[in-house]
Amino acid sequence: MSFVQTVKAIAWAFFGVRRGAGYEEDVAKLNPVHVIIAGVIAAVLFVLVLVLLVQWVIGSGVAGS
């Protein structure tokens, strides 16, 4: 599989919405190095989005009252 296809498979797994047949196909074709790289990138992006969301909520004054 290409790296883009691996990223798509990781995205489906990240949200937990992958059918059994698609999962079995992905497991058979995925490159473990691509999975690790895509997983780390997805985790970093997720944490970054959460940090930015918290900063926005705190800065907007919504959480202050």
N, C-alpha and C. Protein backbone atom coordinates (compact mmCIF):
# COMPACT_ATOMS: atom_id res chain seq x y z
N MET A 1 0.84 -1.19 0.00
CA MET A 1 0.00 0.00 0.00
C MET A 1 0.88 1.25 0.00
N SER A 2 0.37 2.30 -0.60
CA SER A 2 1.09 3.56 -0.57
C SER A 2 0.89 4.22 0.79
N PHE A 3 1.70 5.25 1.04
CA PHE A 3 1.59 5.94 2.32
C PHE A 3 0.22 6.62 2.47
N VAL A 4 -0.31 7.14 1.38
CA VAL A 4 -1.63 7.79 1.42
C VAL A 4 -2.71 6.79 1.79
N GLN A 5 -2.64 5.59 1.23
CA GLN A 5 -3.61 4.55 1.58
C GLN A 5 -3.45 4.14 3.05
N THR A 6 -2.22 4.12 3.53
CA THR A 6 -1.98 3.81 4.93
C THR A 6 -2.59 4.88 5.82
N VAL A 7 -2.43 6.15 5.45
CA VAL A 7 -3.01 7.24 6.23
C VAL A 7 -4.54 7.11 6.27
N LYS A 8 -5.15 6.74 5.16
CA LYS A 8 -6.60 6.54 5.13
C LYS A 8 -7.00 5.41 6.07
N ALA A 9 -6.26 4.32 6.05
CA ALA A 9 -6.56 3.19 6.94
C ALA A 9 -6.41 3.59 8.41
N ILE A 10 -5.38 4.38 8.71
CA ILE A 10 -5.17 4.86 10.09
C ILE A 10 -6.31 5.79 10.49
N ALA A 11 -6.76 6.63 9.58
CA ALA A 11 -7.87 7.55 9.89
C ALA A 11 -9.14 6.76 10.21
N TRP A 12 -9.42 5.73 9.42
CA TRP A 12 -10.60 4.90 9.71
C TRP A 12 -10.45 4.24 11.07
N ALA A 13 -9.27 3.73 11.36
CA ALA A 13 -9.04 3.06 12.64
C ALA A 13 -9.11 4.05 13.80
N PHE A 14 -8.63 5.26 13.58
CA PHE A 14 -8.63 6.29 14.62
C PHE A 14 -10.05 6.60 15.06
N PHE A 15 -10.98 6.62 14.12
CA PHE A 15 -12.38 6.90 14.45
C PHE A 15 -13.17 5.64 14.76
N GLY A 16 -12.58 4.47 14.53
CA GLY A 16 -13.21 3.21 14.88
C GLY A 16 -14.38 2.83 13.99
N VAL A 17 -14.35 3.22 12.74
CA VAL A 17 -15.45 2.92 11.82
C VAL A 17 -14.95 2.20 10.58
N ARG A 18 -14.45 1.00 10.76
CA ARG A 18 -13.94 0.22 9.63
C ARG A 18 -14.65 -1.13 9.61
N ARG A 19 -15.12 -1.52 8.43
CA ARG A 19 -15.79 -2.81 8.31
C ARG A 19 -14.78 -3.95 8.39
N GLY A 20 -15.23 -5.12 8.75
CA GLY A 20 -14.35 -6.27 8.92
C GLY A 20 -13.57 -6.64 7.68
N ALA A 21 -14.22 -6.63 6.51
CA ALA A 21 -13.54 -7.00 5.27
C ALA A 21 -12.44 -5.98 4.93
N GLY A 22 -12.74 -4.72 5.11
CA GLY A 22 -11.74 -3.67 4.85
C GLY A 22 -10.57 -3.77 5.81
N TYR A 23 -10.88 -4.10 7.05
CA TYR A 23 -9.83 -4.25 8.06
C TYR A 23 -8.90 -5.40 7.70
N GLU A 24 -9.47 -6.53 7.31
CA GLU A 24 -8.66 -7.70 6.95
C GLU A 24 -7.77 -7.38 5.74
N GLU A 25 -8.32 -6.66 4.77
CA GLU A 25 -7.54 -6.28 3.60
C GLU A 25 -6.39 -5.35 3.99
N ASP A 26 -6.67 -4.39 4.87
CA ASP A 26 -5.63 -3.46 5.31
C ASP A 26 -4.52 -4.19 6.06
N VAL A 27 -4.89 -5.10 6.95
CA VAL A 27 -3.90 -5.82 7.74
C VAL A 27 -2.96 -6.61 6.84
N ALA A 28 -3.50 -7.16 5.77
CA ALA A 28 -2.69 -7.96 4.87
C ALA A 28 -1.73 -7.11 4.03
N LYS A 29 -2.08 -5.85 3.78
CA LYS A 29 -1.29 -5.03 2.86
C LYS A 29 -0.49 -3.91 3.50
N LEU A 30 -0.75 -3.57 4.75
CA LEU A 30 -0.10 -2.42 5.36
C LEU A 30 1.38 -2.65 5.64
N ASN A 31 2.15 -1.60 5.42
CA ASN A 31 3.57 -1.61 5.75
C ASN A 31 3.70 -1.13 7.20
N PRO A 32 4.29 -1.93 8.09
CA PRO A 32 4.38 -1.54 9.50
C PRO A 32 5.07 -0.20 9.73
N VAL A 33 6.07 0.12 8.94
CA VAL A 33 6.76 1.41 9.10
C VAL A 33 5.81 2.55 8.77
N HIS A 34 5.02 2.40 7.71
CA HIS A 34 4.04 3.42 7.35
C HIS A 34 2.99 3.57 8.45
N VAL A 35 2.59 2.47 9.05
CA VAL A 35 1.58 2.51 10.12
C VAL A 35 2.11 3.30 11.31
N ILE A 36 3.33 3.04 11.69
CA ILE A 36 3.92 3.74 12.84
C ILE A 36 4.04 5.23 12.55
N ILE A 37 4.55 5.58 11.38
CA ILE A 37 4.71 7.00 11.02
C ILE A 37 3.36 7.69 10.97
N ALA A 38 2.38 7.09 10.30
CA ALA A 38 1.06 7.69 10.19
C ALA A 38 0.38 7.78 11.55
N GLY A 39 0.56 6.78 12.39
CA GLY A 39 -0.03 6.80 13.73
C GLY A 39 0.55 7.91 14.60
N VAL A 40 1.85 8.10 14.53
CA VAL A 40 2.50 9.17 15.30
C VAL A 40 2.04 10.53 14.80
N ILE A 41 1.97 10.70 13.49
CA ILE A 41 1.50 11.97 12.92
C ILE A 41 0.06 12.24 13.34
N ALA A 42 -0.80 11.23 13.28
CA ALA A 42 -2.20 11.39 13.67
C ALA A 42 -2.31 11.75 15.15
N ALA A 43 -1.53 11.10 16.00
CA ALA A 43 -1.58 11.39 17.44
C ALA A 43 -1.11 12.81 17.73
N VAL A 44 -0.04 13.25 17.07
CA VAL A 44 0.47 14.62 17.27
C VAL A 44 -0.56 15.63 16.81
N LEU A 45 -1.18 15.40 15.66
CA LEU A 45 -2.22 16.32 15.18
C LEU A 45 -3.41 16.37 16.12
N PHE A 46 -3.80 15.22 16.65
CA PHE A 46 -4.92 15.16 17.59
C PHE A 46 -4.62 15.97 18.85
N VAL A 47 -3.44 15.79 19.42
CA VAL A 47 -3.06 16.54 20.61
C VAL A 47 -2.97 18.03 20.31
N LEU A 48 -2.41 18.38 19.16
CA LEU A 48 -2.30 19.78 18.77
C LEU A 48 -3.67 20.43 18.64
N VAL A 49 -4.62 19.74 18.03
CA VAL A 49 -5.98 20.27 17.91
C VAL A 49 -6.61 20.45 19.28
N LEU A 50 -6.41 19.50 20.18
CA LEU A 50 -6.96 19.64 21.53
C LEU A 50 -6.36 20.83 22.28
N VAL A 51 -5.05 21.00 22.17
CA VAL A 51 -4.39 22.13 22.83
C VAL A 51 -4.90 23.45 22.27
N LEU A 52 -5.02 23.55 20.95
CA LEU A 52 -5.53 24.78 20.34
C LEU A 52 -6.98 25.04 20.73
N LEU A 53 -7.77 23.99 20.83
CA LEU A 53 -9.16 24.14 21.25
C LEU A 53 -9.25 24.65 22.68
N VAL A 54 -8.45 24.11 23.57
CA VAL A 54 -8.45 24.55 24.97
C VAL A 54 -7.98 26.00 25.06
N GLN A 55 -6.94 26.35 24.33
CA GLN A 55 -6.46 27.74 24.34
C GLN A 55 -7.54 28.69 23.82
N TRP A 56 -8.26 28.27 22.80
CA TRP A 56 -9.32 29.12 22.25
C TRP A 56 -10.45 29.30 23.26
N VAL A 57 -10.84 28.23 23.93
CA VAL A 57 -11.93 28.31 24.92
C VAL A 57 -11.51 29.18 26.09
N ILE A 58 -10.29 29.02 26.56
CA ILE A 58 -9.81 29.83 27.69
C ILE A 58 -9.68 31.29 27.25
N GLY A 59 -9.17 31.54 26.08
CA GLY A 59 -9.00 32.90 25.59
C GLY A 59 -10.30 33.62 25.29
N SER A 60 -11.34 32.87 24.94
CA SER A 60 -12.61 33.50 24.60
C SER A 60 -13.39 33.92 25.84
N GLY A 61 -13.00 33.45 27.01
CA GLY A 61 -13.70 33.82 28.23
C GLY A 61 -14.90 32.93 28.53
N VAL A 62 -15.18 31.95 27.70
CA VAL A 62 -16.32 31.06 27.92
C VAL A 62 -16.12 30.25 29.19
N ALA A 63 -14.89 29.81 29.45
CA ALA A 63 -14.61 28.97 30.62
C ALA A 63 -14.32 29.80 31.86
N GLY A 64 -14.22 31.11 31.73
CA GLY A 64 -13.84 31.95 32.84
C GLY A 64 -14.93 32.24 33.85
N SER A 65 -16.18 32.14 33.46
CA SER A 65 -17.26 32.50 34.38
C SER A 65 -17.75 31.35 35.18
